[in-house]
Each structure stands twice: as C-alpha cells, then as structure tokens.
Amino acid sequence: MAHPTLDRLLKPNYLRYNQRERLNETKAGHEEQIKNPFVKDKGPAVKAVRAITQMLTKQAPPTDLTEDEKNLLYAHSQELEAEIRPSLLPLEVMRRCPDASTPRDNLGREKTMKPKILEWKRCQILLNPDSDDPNLANTDRIRPELTTAGTSGFMVNARIPGHLAMSRQAKANWPLGEPKADTALKQAQRRTAQDPKRAADYASRVAKAKATRKAKRASDVVVSES
C-alpha cells in the first residue's frame, strides 16, 4: 500500500459483525452483574466491560466512510482480487482433492499471499460493516473454477471423484430429448402397476408397518407417563 488513506484504513484487524454481536452480548451480561445488588465483587465485571469497550472501539470497522474512501477501498479490493485469484487452487481441485499434496499446496499458496489476502478481507469488512454473511471475507468467493457454470466437475483419479453425469447444459442441448434410462425404481413401479395383487400386498404391508409404529409410540408414551 502506498496510499495514506489505505494505510490508515487497512491497518487495524477488524472484528466481524458476528464477533461484535457476541462481544456486545457478553458486555451486556457483565453490565447486568454490575447492576445486580446481590453481586458483591463487581471488580471482574467492571474490568471485562472496560476491556470489551476498548476492543470494540479499536477494532470495530468505521461506519462513516466517505464515498471517496469507499471507492478507493473498492478499487484496491479489485486490484488485490486480480493478484490473489491466480494463486488460489481452483474450486474443483479443492473439492475433489486429486492429489495427496493438494492440502499442503493450498496452505503454501495461501501463506505466500497472506498479506494481500488479509488486506482483501479487511476491504470486504470495511465495505460491508453490517453484513452478517459468514462468507463475506471468504476467499472461496474469488477462487477460480476449471469448468464453466453448469458443467461437470468429475475427476476420475481424484480422492473424491464425484459423479459422472450430464451437466445442465448438456441436458438442455441433448438432441434425443430426456434420457430414457430404465432405472430400478421405474422397473419396480412398472411391475407393481402390471400386477394388482402385488400392489395390494405392498399397500397392506405399508399399512401394517404404519399401524405397528403407531402402536409402539403409544405404548412408549404410556410407559413414560407411568
């Protein structure tokens, strides 16, 4: 950073929205102890309130940024994103883990870019101080993808290869219409429809099973009440 405004704004380690909420709840609890006449030793509660207040004062993101400051932060955030994105492992690699060294590779890449990643995270918090989105400053938001949206991410040699299936785009452009796969469920439904006795037997078994479960629940209630 070579801009004095950015130096000033991005220096603190800002608290997230949910962190500030938890601190305020804790502070309110200590304040109740201070007000409680039955609590004799109020010293620890007073110290805790003072420490939390100091932390919130120093680390809460400012909510009165000017438009110029916001524009500067947004532009810097975009520059950081352009630098960070190529160094991150793609989403499919993170999800499928094609190699045993993938976790170590990911940690090494993020360690190299850590200063810029922290700056990017602080930019997101400063630009969205009241956002409770847990993924607001998550780098997965800017992680690159090997495939385009809606295509398959199947990796045959990966530890978690996924499912080999048609993507949404392939289904939409399939020239033969909806695939006519004769699944086990369709076969069972067809046999049941062709055999009324089989259908009646199945319905009878289902009804009997439901009645048994209902009776068991009723007996459990009686036992617990006794």
C-alpha atoms as a PDB file:
ATOM      1  CA  MET A   1       0.000   0.000   0.000  1.00  0.00           C
ATOM      2  CA  ALA A   2       1.340   3.413  -0.967  1.00  0.00           C
ATOM      3  CA  HIS A   3      -1.744   5.467  -0.261  1.00  0.00           C
ATOM      4  CA  PRO A   4      -2.012   7.135   3.179  1.00  0.00           C
ATOM      5  CA  THR A   5      -5.789   6.599   3.352  1.00  0.00           C
ATOM      6  CA  LEU A   6      -5.412   2.901   2.617  1.00  0.00           C
ATOM      7  CA  ASP A   7      -2.570   2.657   5.134  1.00  0.00           C
ATOM      8  CA  ARG A   8      -4.826   4.148   7.798  1.00  0.00           C
ATOM      9  CA  LEU A   9      -7.969   2.150   6.971  1.00  0.00           C
ATOM     10  CA  LEU A  10      -6.371  -1.252   6.443  1.00  0.00           C
ATOM     11  CA  LYS A  11      -4.024  -1.216   9.430  1.00  0.00           C
ATOM     12  CA  PRO A  12      -6.444  -2.458  12.175  1.00  0.00           C
ATOM     13  CA  ASN A  13      -7.525  -6.074  12.449  1.00  0.00           C
ATOM     14  CA  TYR A  14     -11.276  -5.521  12.238  1.00  0.00           C
ATOM     15  CA  LEU A  15     -13.877  -7.573  14.068  1.00  0.00           C
ATOM     16  CA  ARG A  16     -16.548  -9.300  12.001  1.00  0.00           C
ATOM     17  CA  TYR A  17     -20.218  -8.485  12.553  1.00  0.00           C
ATOM     18  CA  ASN A  18     -20.950 -11.731  14.442  1.00  0.00           C
ATOM     19  CA  GLN A  19     -17.857 -11.213  16.619  1.00  0.00           C
ATOM     20  CA  ARG A  20     -19.058  -7.746  17.593  1.00  0.00           C
ATOM     21  CA  GLU A  21     -22.524  -9.110  18.343  1.00  0.00           C
ATOM     22  CA  ARG A  22     -21.100 -11.759  20.687  1.00  0.00           C
ATOM     23  CA  LEU A  23     -18.897  -9.191  22.415  1.00  0.00           C
ATOM     24  CA  ASN A  24     -21.856  -6.865  22.932  1.00  0.00           C
ATOM     25  CA  GLU A  25     -23.879  -9.747  24.405  1.00  0.00           C
ATOM     26  CA  THR A  26     -21.023 -10.587  26.772  1.00  0.00           C
ATOM     27  CA  LYS A  27     -20.675  -6.922  27.710  1.00  0.00           C
ATOM     28  CA  ALA A  28     -24.406  -6.676  28.451  1.00  0.00           C
ATOM     29  CA  GLY A  29     -24.135  -9.710  30.739  1.00  0.00           C
ATOM     30  CA  HIS A  30     -21.289  -8.130  32.715  1.00  0.00           C
ATOM     31  CA  GLU A  31     -23.224  -4.865  32.945  1.00  0.00           C
ATOM     32  CA  GLU A  32     -26.146  -6.774  34.459  1.00  0.00           C
ATOM     33  CA  GLN A  33     -23.764  -8.184  37.078  1.00  0.00           C
ATOM     34  CA  ILE A  34     -22.581  -4.651  37.898  1.00  0.00           C
ATOM     35  CA  LYS A  35     -26.185  -3.514  38.403  1.00  0.00           C
ATOM     36  CA  ASN A  36     -27.115  -6.589  40.453  1.00  0.00           C
ATOM     37  CA  PRO A  37     -27.135  -5.630  44.157  1.00  0.00           C
ATOM     38  CA  PHE A  38     -26.546  -9.238  45.186  1.00  0.00           C
ATOM     39  CA  VAL A  39     -23.153  -9.368  43.404  1.00  0.00           C
ATOM     40  CA  LYS A  40     -20.628  -8.165  45.970  1.00  0.00           C
ATOM     41  CA  ASP A  41     -17.400  -8.319  43.969  1.00  0.00           C
ATOM     42  CA  LYS A  42     -18.053  -6.245  40.849  1.00  0.00           C
ATOM     43  CA  GLY A  43     -14.367  -5.776  40.007  1.00  0.00           C
ATOM     44  CA  PRO A  44     -14.051  -8.585  37.398  1.00  0.00           C
ATOM     45  CA  ALA A  45     -17.224  -7.460  35.630  1.00  0.00           C
ATOM     46  CA  VAL A  46     -16.013  -3.841  35.523  1.00  0.00           C
ATOM     47  CA  LYS A  47     -12.652  -4.911  34.068  1.00  0.00           C
ATOM     48  CA  ALA A  48     -14.379  -7.104  31.468  1.00  0.00           C
ATOM     49  CA  VAL A  49     -16.681  -4.271  30.357  1.00  0.00           C
ATOM     50  CA  ARG A  50     -13.701  -1.911  30.084  1.00  0.00           C
ATOM     51  CA  ALA A  51     -11.695  -4.436  28.022  1.00  0.00           C
ATOM     52  CA  ILE A  52     -14.604  -5.190  25.658  1.00  0.00           C
ATOM     53  CA  THR A  53     -15.360  -1.490  25.184  1.00  0.00           C
ATOM     54  CA  GLN A  54     -11.729  -0.833  24.347  1.00  0.00           C
ATOM     55  CA  MET A  55     -11.648  -3.732  21.882  1.00  0.00           C
ATOM     56  CA  LEU A  56     -14.814  -2.575  20.127  1.00  0.00           C
ATOM     57  CA  THR A  57     -13.503   0.984  19.927  1.00  0.00           C
ATOM     58  CA  LYS A  58     -10.225  -0.078  18.336  1.00  0.00           C
ATOM     59  CA  GLN A  59     -11.381  -2.948  16.133  1.00  0.00           C
ATOM     60  CA  ALA A  60     -14.937  -2.165  15.055  1.00  0.00           C
ATOM     61  CA  PRO A  61     -14.999  -1.098  11.387  1.00  0.00           C
ATOM     62  CA  PRO A  62     -15.984   2.564  10.887  1.00  0.00           C
ATOM     63  CA  THR A  63     -19.479   3.147   9.544  1.00  0.00           C
ATOM     64  CA  ASP A  64     -18.940   6.762   8.466  1.00  0.00           C
ATOM     65  CA  LEU A  65     -16.645   6.259   5.469  1.00  0.00           C
ATOM     66  CA  THR A  66     -16.912   8.871   2.741  1.00  0.00           C
ATOM     67  CA  GLU A  67     -17.799   7.938  -0.833  1.00  0.00           C
ATOM     68  CA  ASP A  68     -14.213   8.647  -1.899  1.00  0.00           C
ATOM     69  CA  GLU A  69     -12.904   6.290   0.774  1.00  0.00           C
ATOM     70  CA  LYS A  70     -15.363   3.580  -0.269  1.00  0.00           C
ATOM     71  CA  ASN A  71     -14.414   3.974  -3.922  1.00  0.00           C
ATOM     72  CA  LEU A  72     -10.745   3.784  -3.022  1.00  0.00           C
ATOM     73  CA  LEU A  73     -11.309   0.621  -0.961  1.00  0.00           C
ATOM     74  CA  TYR A  74     -13.365  -0.987  -3.736  1.00  0.00           C
ATOM     75  CA  ALA A  75     -10.721  -0.250  -6.372  1.00  0.00           C
ATOM     76  CA  HIS A  76      -7.988  -1.612  -4.096  1.00  0.00           C
ATOM     77  CA  SER A  77     -10.108  -4.694  -3.385  1.00  0.00           C
ATOM     78  CA  GLN A  78     -10.438  -5.358  -7.132  1.00  0.00           C
ATOM     79  CA  GLU A  79      -6.681  -4.990  -7.604  1.00  0.00           C
ATOM     80  CA  LEU A  80      -5.999  -7.410  -4.753  1.00  0.00           C
ATOM     81  CA  GLU A  81      -8.513  -9.882  -6.120  1.00  0.00           C
ATOM     82  CA  ALA A  82      -6.786  -9.851  -9.523  1.00  0.00           C
ATOM     83  CA  GLU A  83      -3.469 -10.654  -7.793  1.00  0.00           C
ATOM     84  CA  ILE A  84      -4.826 -13.276  -5.385  1.00  0.00           C
ATOM     85  CA  ARG A  85      -7.108 -15.255  -7.705  1.00  0.00           C
ATOM     86  CA  PRO A  86      -4.378 -16.828  -9.927  1.00  0.00           C
ATOM     87  CA  SER A  87      -2.508 -18.075  -6.850  1.00  0.00           C
ATOM     88  CA  LEU A  88      -5.511 -19.942  -5.407  1.00  0.00           C
ATOM     89  CA  LEU A  89      -6.230 -23.573  -6.257  1.00  0.00           C
ATOM     90  CA  PRO A  90      -9.422 -23.958  -8.327  1.00  0.00           C
ATOM     91  CA  LEU A  91     -12.697 -24.887  -6.627  1.00  0.00           C
ATOM     92  CA  GLU A  92     -12.779 -28.298  -8.316  1.00  0.00           C
ATOM     93  CA  VAL A  93      -9.287 -29.153  -7.063  1.00  0.00           C
ATOM     94  CA  MET A  94     -10.209 -28.127  -3.514  1.00  0.00           C
ATOM     95  CA  ARG A  95     -13.424 -30.144  -3.672  1.00  0.00           C
ATOM     96  CA  ARG A  96     -12.061 -33.285  -5.350  1.00  0.00           C
ATOM     97  CA  CYS A  97      -8.510 -33.417  -3.903  1.00  0.00           C
ATOM     98  CA  PRO A  98      -6.907 -35.044  -6.976  1.00  0.00           C
ATOM     99  CA  ASP A  99      -3.529 -35.461  -5.257  1.00  0.00           C
ATOM    100  CA  ALA A 100      -2.297 -36.158  -1.724  1.00  0.00           C
ATOM    101  CA  SER A 101      -0.260 -32.949  -1.837  1.00  0.00           C
ATOM    102  CA  THR A 102      -3.314 -30.759  -2.527  1.00  0.00           C
ATOM    103  CA  PRO A 103      -3.847 -29.602   1.108  1.00  0.00           C
ATOM    104  CA  ARG A 104      -0.147 -28.781   1.530  1.00  0.00           C
ATOM    105  CA  ASP A 105      -0.105 -26.983  -1.820  1.00  0.00           C
ATOM    106  CA  ASN A 106      -3.139 -24.938  -0.809  1.00  0.00           C
ATOM    107  CA  LEU A 107      -1.577 -23.901   2.514  1.00  0.00           C
ATOM    108  CA  GLY A 108       1.684 -22.943   0.792  1.00  0.00           C
ATOM    109  CA  ARG A 109      -0.092 -20.790  -1.794  1.00  0.00           C
ATOM    110  CA  GLU A 110      -2.209 -19.007   0.818  1.00  0.00           C
ATOM    111  CA  LYS A 111       0.841 -18.431   3.034  1.00  0.00           C
ATOM    112  CA  THR A 112       2.649 -16.731   0.159  1.00  0.00           C
ATOM    113  CA  MET A 113      -0.308 -14.419  -0.480  1.00  0.00           C
ATOM    114  CA  LYS A 114      -1.291 -13.962   3.190  1.00  0.00           C
ATOM    115  CA  PRO A 115      -0.577 -10.181   3.447  1.00  0.00           C
ATOM    116  CA  LYS A 116      -2.668  -9.458   0.356  1.00  0.00           C
ATOM    117  CA  ILE A 117      -5.415 -11.870   1.444  1.00  0.00           C
ATOM    118  CA  LEU A 118      -5.662 -10.114   4.826  1.00  0.00           C
ATOM    119  CA  GLU A 119      -5.906  -6.752   3.077  1.00  0.00           C
ATOM    120  CA  TRP A 120      -8.663  -8.107   0.827  1.00  0.00           C
ATOM    121  CA  LYS A 121     -10.561  -9.451   3.831  1.00  0.00           C
ATOM    122  CA  ARG A 122     -10.360  -6.079   5.599  1.00  0.00           C
ATOM    123  CA  CYS A 123     -11.625  -4.351   2.474  1.00  0.00           C
ATOM    124  CA  GLN A 124     -14.707  -6.610   2.465  1.00  0.00           C
ATOM    125  CA  ILE A 125     -15.413  -5.873   6.142  1.00  0.00           C
ATOM    126  CA  LEU A 126     -14.947  -2.119   5.682  1.00  0.00           C
ATOM    127  CA  LEU A 127     -17.209  -2.043   2.635  1.00  0.00           C
ATOM    128  CA  ASN A 128     -19.880  -4.179   4.366  1.00  0.00           C
ATOM    129  CA  PRO A 129     -19.590  -3.407   8.106  1.00  0.00           C
ATOM    130  CA  ASP A 130     -23.144  -4.563   8.955  1.00  0.00           C
ATOM    131  CA  SER A 131     -23.169  -7.735   6.869  1.00  0.00           C
ATOM    132  CA  ASP A 132     -23.730 -10.964   8.831  1.00  0.00           C
ATOM    133  CA  ASP A 133     -22.773 -13.141   5.854  1.00  0.00           C
ATOM    134  CA  PRO A 134     -20.323 -15.758   7.231  1.00  0.00           C
ATOM    135  CA  ASN A 135     -18.650 -15.936   3.802  1.00  0.00           C
ATOM    136  CA  LEU A 136     -18.195 -12.185   3.407  1.00  0.00           C
ATOM    137  CA  ALA A 137     -14.397 -12.405   3.671  1.00  0.00           C
ATOM    138  CA  ASN A 138     -14.050 -15.997   2.473  1.00  0.00           C
ATOM    139  CA  THR A 139     -11.502 -16.350  -0.340  1.00  0.00           C
ATOM    140  CA  ASP A 140     -13.600 -19.145  -1.858  1.00  0.00           C
ATOM    141  CA  ARG A 141     -15.728 -16.322  -3.273  1.00  0.00           C
ATOM    142  CA  ILE A 142     -12.879 -15.357  -5.603  1.00  0.00           C
ATOM    143  CA  ARG A 143     -11.389 -18.816  -6.134  1.00  0.00           C
ATOM    144  CA  PRO A 144     -11.073 -19.717  -9.842  1.00  0.00           C
ATOM    145  CA  GLU A 145     -13.006 -22.560 -11.486  1.00  0.00           C
ATOM    146  CA  LEU A 146     -11.779 -25.081 -14.036  1.00  0.00           C
ATOM    147  CA  THR A 147     -15.227 -25.590 -15.532  1.00  0.00           C
ATOM    148  CA  THR A 148     -17.911 -23.150 -16.528  1.00  0.00           C
ATOM    149  CA  ALA A 149     -21.169 -22.920 -14.584  1.00  0.00           C
ATOM    150  CA  GLY A 150     -23.382 -25.941 -15.022  1.00  0.00           C
ATOM    151  CA  THR A 151     -20.706 -28.291 -16.407  1.00  0.00           C
ATOM    152  CA  SER A 152     -19.441 -31.449 -14.770  1.00  0.00           C
ATOM    153  CA  GLY A 153     -16.509 -31.338 -12.337  1.00  0.00           C
ATOM    154  CA  PHE A 154     -15.910 -35.129 -12.413  1.00  0.00           C
ATOM    155  CA  MET A 155     -12.268 -36.193 -11.830  1.00  0.00           C
ATOM    156  CA  VAL A 156     -11.704 -39.886 -12.355  1.00  0.00           C
ATOM    157  CA  ASN A 157      -8.398 -40.132 -10.385  1.00  0.00           C
ATOM    158  CA  ALA A 158      -9.321 -37.801  -7.527  1.00  0.00           C
ATOM    159  CA  ARG A 159      -9.873 -38.923  -3.940  1.00  0.00           C
ATOM    160  CA  ILE A 160     -13.433 -37.590  -4.205  1.00  0.00           C
ATOM    161  CA  PRO A 161     -14.088 -38.031  -7.940  1.00  0.00           C
ATOM    162  CA  GLY A 162     -17.757 -37.013  -7.845  1.00  0.00           C
ATOM    163  CA  HIS A 163     -20.453 -38.381 -10.135  1.00  0.00           C
ATOM    164  CA  LEU A 164     -20.130 -38.808 -13.873  1.00  0.00           C
ATOM    165  CA  ALA A 165     -23.383 -37.260 -15.055  1.00  0.00           C
ATOM    166  CA  MET A 166     -24.731 -34.956 -17.695  1.00  0.00           C
ATOM    167  CA  SER A 167     -24.417 -31.271 -16.911  1.00  0.00           C
ATOM    168  CA  ARG A 168     -27.370 -28.897 -17.113  1.00  0.00           C
ATOM    169  CA  GLN A 169     -26.000 -27.500 -20.359  1.00  0.00           C
ATOM    170  CA  ALA A 170     -25.676 -30.975 -21.880  1.00  0.00           C
ATOM    171  CA  LYS A 171     -29.228 -31.891 -20.867  1.00  0.00           C
ATOM    172  CA  ALA A 172     -30.580 -28.671 -22.329  1.00  0.00           C
ATOM    173  CA  ASN A 173     -28.889 -29.401 -25.681  1.00  0.00           C
ATOM    174  CA  TRP A 174     -29.407 -33.184 -25.757  1.00  0.00           C
ATOM    175  CA  PRO A 175     -30.718 -33.948 -29.295  1.00  0.00           C
ATOM    176  CA  LEU A 176     -32.708 -37.052 -28.326  1.00  0.00           C
ATOM    177  CA  GLY A 177     -34.829 -35.467 -25.639  1.00  0.00           C
ATOM    178  CA  GLU A 178     -34.965 -36.623 -21.998  1.00  0.00           C
ATOM    179  CA  PRO A 179     -32.790 -39.734 -21.458  1.00  0.00           C
ATOM    180  CA  LYS A 180     -34.934 -42.879 -21.216  1.00  0.00           C
ATOM    181  CA  ALA A 181     -32.884 -44.702 -18.578  1.00  0.00           C
ATOM    182  CA  ASP A 182     -34.782 -47.732 -17.247  1.00  0.00           C
ATOM    183  CA  THR A 183     -33.912 -47.338 -13.577  1.00  0.00           C
ATOM    184  CA  ALA A 184     -34.611 -49.869 -10.832  1.00  0.00           C
ATOM    185  CA  LEU A 185     -37.348 -47.595  -9.471  1.00  0.00           C
ATOM    186  CA  LYS A 186     -39.070 -47.395 -12.846  1.00  0.00           C
ATOM    187  CA  GLN A 187     -38.884 -51.182 -13.209  1.00  0.00           C
ATOM    188  CA  ALA A 188     -40.428 -51.706  -9.752  1.00  0.00           C
ATOM    189  CA  GLN A 189     -43.197 -49.204 -10.488  1.00  0.00           C
ATOM    190  CA  ARG A 190     -43.928 -50.883 -13.806  1.00  0.00           C
ATOM    191  CA  ARG A 191     -44.134 -54.377 -12.259  1.00  0.00           C
ATOM    192  CA  THR A 192     -46.408 -53.099  -9.497  1.00  0.00           C
ATOM    193  CA  ALA A 193     -48.720 -51.397 -11.996  1.00  0.00           C
ATOM    194  CA  GLN A 194     -48.941 -54.582 -14.087  1.00  0.00           C
ATOM    195  CA  ASP A 195     -49.742 -56.820 -11.096  1.00  0.00           C
ATOM    196  CA  PRO A 196     -52.750 -55.643  -8.999  1.00  0.00           C
ATOM    197  CA  LYS A 197     -52.142 -58.376  -6.392  1.00  0.00           C
ATOM    198  CA  ARG A 198     -48.550 -57.216  -5.889  1.00  0.00           C
ATOM    199  CA  ALA A 199     -49.779 -53.624  -5.482  1.00  0.00           C
ATOM    200  CA  ALA A 200     -52.403 -54.709  -2.930  1.00  0.00           C
ATOM    201  CA  ASP A 201     -49.859 -56.742  -0.962  1.00  0.00           C
ATOM    202  CA  TYR A 202     -47.467 -53.784  -0.915  1.00  0.00           C
ATOM    203  CA  ALA A 203     -50.184 -51.415   0.300  1.00  0.00           C
ATOM    204  CA  SER A 204     -51.160 -53.908   3.016  1.00  0.00           C
ATOM    205  CA  ARG A 205     -47.554 -54.213   4.254  1.00  0.00           C
ATOM    206  CA  VAL A 206     -47.175 -50.442   4.362  1.00  0.00           C
ATOM    207  CA  ALA A 207     -50.413 -50.019   6.323  1.00  0.00           C
ATOM    208  CA  LYS A 208     -49.410 -52.784   8.755  1.00  0.00           C
ATOM    209  CA  ALA A 209     -45.980 -51.210   9.311  1.00  0.00           C
ATOM    210  CA  LYS A 210     -47.563 -47.807   9.997  1.00  0.00           C
ATOM    211  CA  ALA A 211     -50.027 -49.331  12.470  1.00  0.00           C
ATOM    212  CA  THR A 212     -47.185 -51.135  14.268  1.00  0.00           C
ATOM    213  CA  ARG A 213     -45.145 -47.934  14.595  1.00  0.00           C
ATOM    214  CA  LYS A 214     -48.196 -46.029  15.841  1.00  0.00           C
ATOM    215  CA  ALA A 215     -48.951 -48.672  18.479  1.00  0.00           C
ATOM    216  CA  LYS A 216     -45.315 -48.712  19.618  1.00  0.00           C
ATOM    217  CA  ARG A 217     -45.278 -44.932  20.023  1.00  0.00           C
ATOM    218  CA  ALA A 218     -48.491 -45.096  22.054  1.00  0.00           C
ATOM    219  CA  SER A 219     -47.057 -47.797  24.345  1.00  0.00           C
ATOM    220  CA  ASP A 220     -43.855 -45.762  24.810  1.00  0.00           C
ATOM    221  CA  VAL A 221     -45.925 -42.774  25.934  1.00  0.00           C
ATOM    222  CA  VAL A 222     -47.839 -44.917  28.451  1.00  0.00           C
ATOM    223  CA  VAL A 223     -44.607 -46.341  29.872  1.00  0.00           C
ATOM    224  CA  SER A 224     -43.004 -42.905  30.219  1.00  0.00           C
ATOM    225  CA  GLU A 225     -46.081 -41.495  31.989  1.00  0.00           C
ATOM    226  CA  SER A 226     -46.229 -44.405  34.450  1.00  0.00           C
END
